[in-house]
Amino acid sequence: MILDYEPGDKVTNPKNKDWGIGQVQSIIKDKVTVNFENAGKKVINAKNIELIKIGK
């Protein structure tokens, strides 16, 4: 699996749109830590949830 984002990228979680825009903090294997504007820091398993990259 190749993840198409890196720390600093802005993303959204399509399954939880109310979390708002998040910024990728770190990526360790398939665990992506994202700080969302409305939900705070979340650790996302990239195998189960595909984050949508904003911009670029």
C-alpha atoms as a PDB file:
ATOM      1  CA  MET A   1       0.000   0.000   0.000  1.00  0.00           C
ATOM      2  CA  ILE A   2       1.298   3.421  -0.976  1.00  0.00           C
ATOM      3  CA  LEU A   3      -0.095   6.368   0.935  1.00  0.00           C
ATOM      4  CA  ASP A   4      -0.517   9.537  -1.114  1.00  0.00           C
ATOM      5  CA  TYR A   5       0.038  11.998   1.724  1.00  0.00           C
ATOM      6  CA  GLU A   6       2.790  13.181   4.008  1.00  0.00           C
ATOM      7  CA  PRO A   7       3.039  15.262   7.192  1.00  0.00           C
ATOM      8  CA  GLY A   8       1.623  18.740   6.648  1.00  0.00           C
ATOM      9  CA  ASP A   9      -0.912  17.711   4.007  1.00  0.00           C
ATOM     10  CA  LYS A  10      -4.550  18.717   4.481  1.00  0.00           C
ATOM     11  CA  VAL A  11      -7.073  15.866   4.344  1.00  0.00           C
ATOM     12  CA  THR A  12     -10.705  15.022   5.060  1.00  0.00           C
ATOM     13  CA  ASN A  13     -12.281  11.806   6.257  1.00  0.00           C
ATOM     14  CA  PRO A  14     -15.197  11.041   3.908  1.00  0.00           C
ATOM     15  CA  LYS A  15     -16.841   8.824   6.564  1.00  0.00           C
ATOM     16  CA  ASN A  16     -16.782  11.657   9.143  1.00  0.00           C
ATOM     17  CA  LYS A  17     -17.155  14.904   7.207  1.00  0.00           C
ATOM     18  CA  ASP A  18     -18.193  16.739  10.393  1.00  0.00           C
ATOM     19  CA  TRP A  19     -14.611  16.347  11.672  1.00  0.00           C
ATOM     20  CA  GLY A  20     -13.685  19.090   9.208  1.00  0.00           C
ATOM     21  CA  ILE A  21     -10.293  19.544   7.579  1.00  0.00           C
ATOM     22  CA  GLY A  22      -7.366  17.785   9.174  1.00  0.00           C
ATOM     23  CA  GLN A  23      -3.610  18.148   8.921  1.00  0.00           C
ATOM     24  CA  VAL A  24      -1.487  15.009   8.740  1.00  0.00           C
ATOM     25  CA  GLN A  25       0.873  14.947  11.733  1.00  0.00           C
ATOM     26  CA  SER A  26       2.695  11.643  11.198  1.00  0.00           C
ATOM     27  CA  ILE A  27       2.566   8.362   9.299  1.00  0.00           C
ATOM     28  CA  ILE A  28       3.862   5.147  10.838  1.00  0.00           C
ATOM     29  CA  LYS A  29       3.266   2.095   8.646  1.00  0.00           C
ATOM     30  CA  ASP A  30      -0.500   2.206   7.966  1.00  0.00           C
ATOM     31  CA  LYS A  31      -1.371   4.440  10.940  1.00  0.00           C
ATOM     32  CA  VAL A  32      -1.903   8.093  10.032  1.00  0.00           C
ATOM     33  CA  THR A  33      -2.189  10.661  12.835  1.00  0.00           C
ATOM     34  CA  VAL A  34      -4.338  13.616  11.787  1.00  0.00           C
ATOM     35  CA  ASN A  35      -5.299  16.733  13.751  1.00  0.00           C
ATOM     36  CA  PHE A  36      -8.874  17.598  12.698  1.00  0.00           C
ATOM     37  CA  GLU A  37     -10.305  21.098  13.244  1.00  0.00           C
ATOM     38  CA  ASN A  38     -13.560  19.824  14.820  1.00  0.00           C
ATOM     39  CA  ALA A  39     -12.510  16.475  16.315  1.00  0.00           C
ATOM     40  CA  GLY A  40      -8.927  16.946  17.502  1.00  0.00           C
ATOM     41  CA  LYS A  41      -6.179  14.399  17.017  1.00  0.00           C
ATOM     42  CA  LYS A  42      -7.195  11.035  15.536  1.00  0.00           C
ATOM     43  CA  VAL A  43      -5.160   7.995  14.568  1.00  0.00           C
ATOM     44  CA  ILE A  44      -6.547   6.579  11.328  1.00  0.00           C
ATOM     45  CA  ASN A  45      -5.872   3.063  10.072  1.00  0.00           C
ATOM     46  CA  ALA A  46      -5.235   3.677   6.364  1.00  0.00           C
ATOM     47  CA  LYS A  47      -6.183   0.067   5.573  1.00  0.00           C
ATOM     48  CA  ASN A  48      -9.760   0.762   6.714  1.00  0.00           C
ATOM     49  CA  ILE A  49     -10.329   4.446   5.922  1.00  0.00           C
ATOM     50  CA  GLU A  50      -9.128   6.278   2.837  1.00  0.00           C
ATOM     51  CA  LEU A  51      -8.451   9.935   3.593  1.00  0.00           C
ATOM     52  CA  ILE A  52      -9.064  12.447   0.831  1.00  0.00           C
ATOM     53  CA  LYS A  53      -6.196  14.851   0.170  1.00  0.00           C
ATOM     54  CA  ILE A  54      -7.130  18.517  -0.300  1.00  0.00           C
ATOM     55  CA  GLY A  55      -5.320  20.696  -2.796  1.00  0.00           C
ATOM     56  CA  LYS A  56      -2.190  20.002  -4.848  1.00  0.00           C
END
